[in-house]
Amino acid sequence: MKIVSFNINSIRARLHQLESLISIHQPDVIGFFV
């Protein structure tokens, strides 16, 4: 099981990074810190 945390201020501004992170690491769980 892969768990990834992602620290973001605005998900719209970082959506391209989130998509890249998901495609590269293929996590089972993603935690968002705003």
N, C-alpha and C. Protein backbone atom coordinates (compact mmCIF):
# COMPACT_ATOMS: atom_id res chain seq x y z
N MET A 1 0.85 -1.17 0.00
CA MET A 1 0.00 0.00 0.00
C MET A 1 0.90 1.24 0.00
N LYS A 2 0.64 2.14 -0.93
CA LYS A 2 1.38 3.40 -1.01
C LYS A 2 0.52 4.53 -0.50
N ILE A 3 1.10 5.33 0.40
CA ILE A 3 0.42 6.51 0.92
C ILE A 3 1.27 7.72 0.55
N VAL A 4 0.62 8.72 -0.02
CA VAL A 4 1.30 9.94 -0.46
C VAL A 4 0.64 11.13 0.20
N SER A 5 1.46 12.07 0.69
CA SER A 5 0.90 13.33 1.21
C SER A 5 1.29 14.45 0.26
N PHE A 6 0.40 15.41 0.11
CA PHE A 6 0.59 16.49 -0.84
C PHE A 6 0.23 17.79 -0.17
N ASN A 7 1.20 18.69 -0.02
CA ASN A 7 0.98 19.97 0.63
C ASN A 7 0.66 21.01 -0.44
N ILE A 8 -0.55 21.57 -0.40
CA ILE A 8 -0.97 22.51 -1.43
C ILE A 8 -1.64 23.72 -0.81
N ASN A 9 -1.51 24.86 -1.48
CA ASN A 9 -2.24 26.06 -1.08
C ASN A 9 -3.49 26.21 -1.93
N SER A 10 -3.39 25.86 -3.19
CA SER A 10 -4.52 25.95 -4.11
C SER A 10 -4.47 24.76 -5.05
N ILE A 11 -5.44 23.87 -4.95
CA ILE A 11 -5.41 22.66 -5.77
C ILE A 11 -5.51 22.98 -7.25
N ARG A 12 -6.20 24.04 -7.61
CA ARG A 12 -6.30 24.42 -9.03
C ARG A 12 -4.94 24.81 -9.60
N ALA A 13 -4.15 25.50 -8.80
CA ALA A 13 -2.83 25.93 -9.27
C ALA A 13 -1.84 24.77 -9.34
N ARG A 14 -2.08 23.73 -8.58
CA ARG A 14 -1.15 22.59 -8.51
C ARG A 14 -1.70 21.31 -9.14
N LEU A 15 -2.78 21.41 -9.86
CA LEU A 15 -3.43 20.22 -10.42
C LEU A 15 -2.49 19.43 -11.33
N HIS A 16 -1.69 20.12 -12.14
CA HIS A 16 -0.76 19.42 -13.03
C HIS A 16 0.28 18.63 -12.24
N GLN A 17 0.72 19.16 -11.10
CA GLN A 17 1.68 18.44 -10.26
C GLN A 17 1.02 17.22 -9.61
N LEU A 18 -0.22 17.38 -9.19
CA LEU A 18 -0.95 16.27 -8.58
C LEU A 18 -1.15 15.15 -9.58
N GLU A 19 -1.53 15.49 -10.81
CA GLU A 19 -1.72 14.48 -11.85
C GLU A 19 -0.41 13.74 -12.13
N SER A 20 0.69 14.46 -12.16
CA SER A 20 1.99 13.84 -12.39
C SER A 20 2.36 12.91 -11.24
N LEU A 21 2.14 13.36 -10.01
CA LEU A 21 2.43 12.55 -8.83
C LEU A 21 1.64 11.24 -8.85
N ILE A 22 0.37 11.32 -9.20
CA ILE A 22 -0.48 10.13 -9.25
C ILE A 22 -0.02 9.18 -10.34
N SER A 23 0.30 9.70 -11.51
CA SER A 23 0.70 8.82 -12.62
C SER A 23 2.05 8.16 -12.37
N ILE A 24 2.96 8.86 -11.71
CA ILE A 24 4.29 8.30 -11.44
C ILE A 24 4.26 7.29 -10.30
N HIS A 25 3.62 7.64 -9.19
CA HIS A 25 3.69 6.82 -7.98
C HIS A 25 2.51 5.88 -7.80
N GLN A 26 1.41 6.11 -8.45
CA GLN A 26 0.20 5.29 -8.36
C GLN A 26 -0.15 4.93 -6.91
N PRO A 27 -0.42 5.95 -6.08
CA PRO A 27 -0.69 5.70 -4.66
C PRO A 27 -2.08 5.11 -4.44
N ASP A 28 -2.22 4.42 -3.31
CA ASP A 28 -3.52 3.89 -2.89
C ASP A 28 -4.29 4.93 -2.08
N VAL A 29 -3.55 5.77 -1.34
CA VAL A 29 -4.16 6.80 -0.49
C VAL A 29 -3.40 8.11 -0.71
N ILE A 30 -4.15 9.22 -0.82
CA ILE A 30 -3.53 10.54 -0.95
C ILE A 30 -4.05 11.42 0.18
N GLY A 31 -3.13 12.02 0.94
CA GLY A 31 -3.51 12.96 1.99
C GLY A 31 -3.20 14.37 1.53
N PHE A 32 -4.15 15.27 1.71
CA PHE A 32 -3.98 16.66 1.31
C PHE A 32 -3.82 17.54 2.55
N PHE A 33 -2.82 18.40 2.52
CA PHE A 33 -2.59 19.37 3.58
C PHE A 33 -2.72 20.75 2.96
N VAL A 34 -3.67 21.51 3.44
CA VAL A 34 -3.94 22.83 2.86
C VAL A 34 -3.50 23.90 3.83
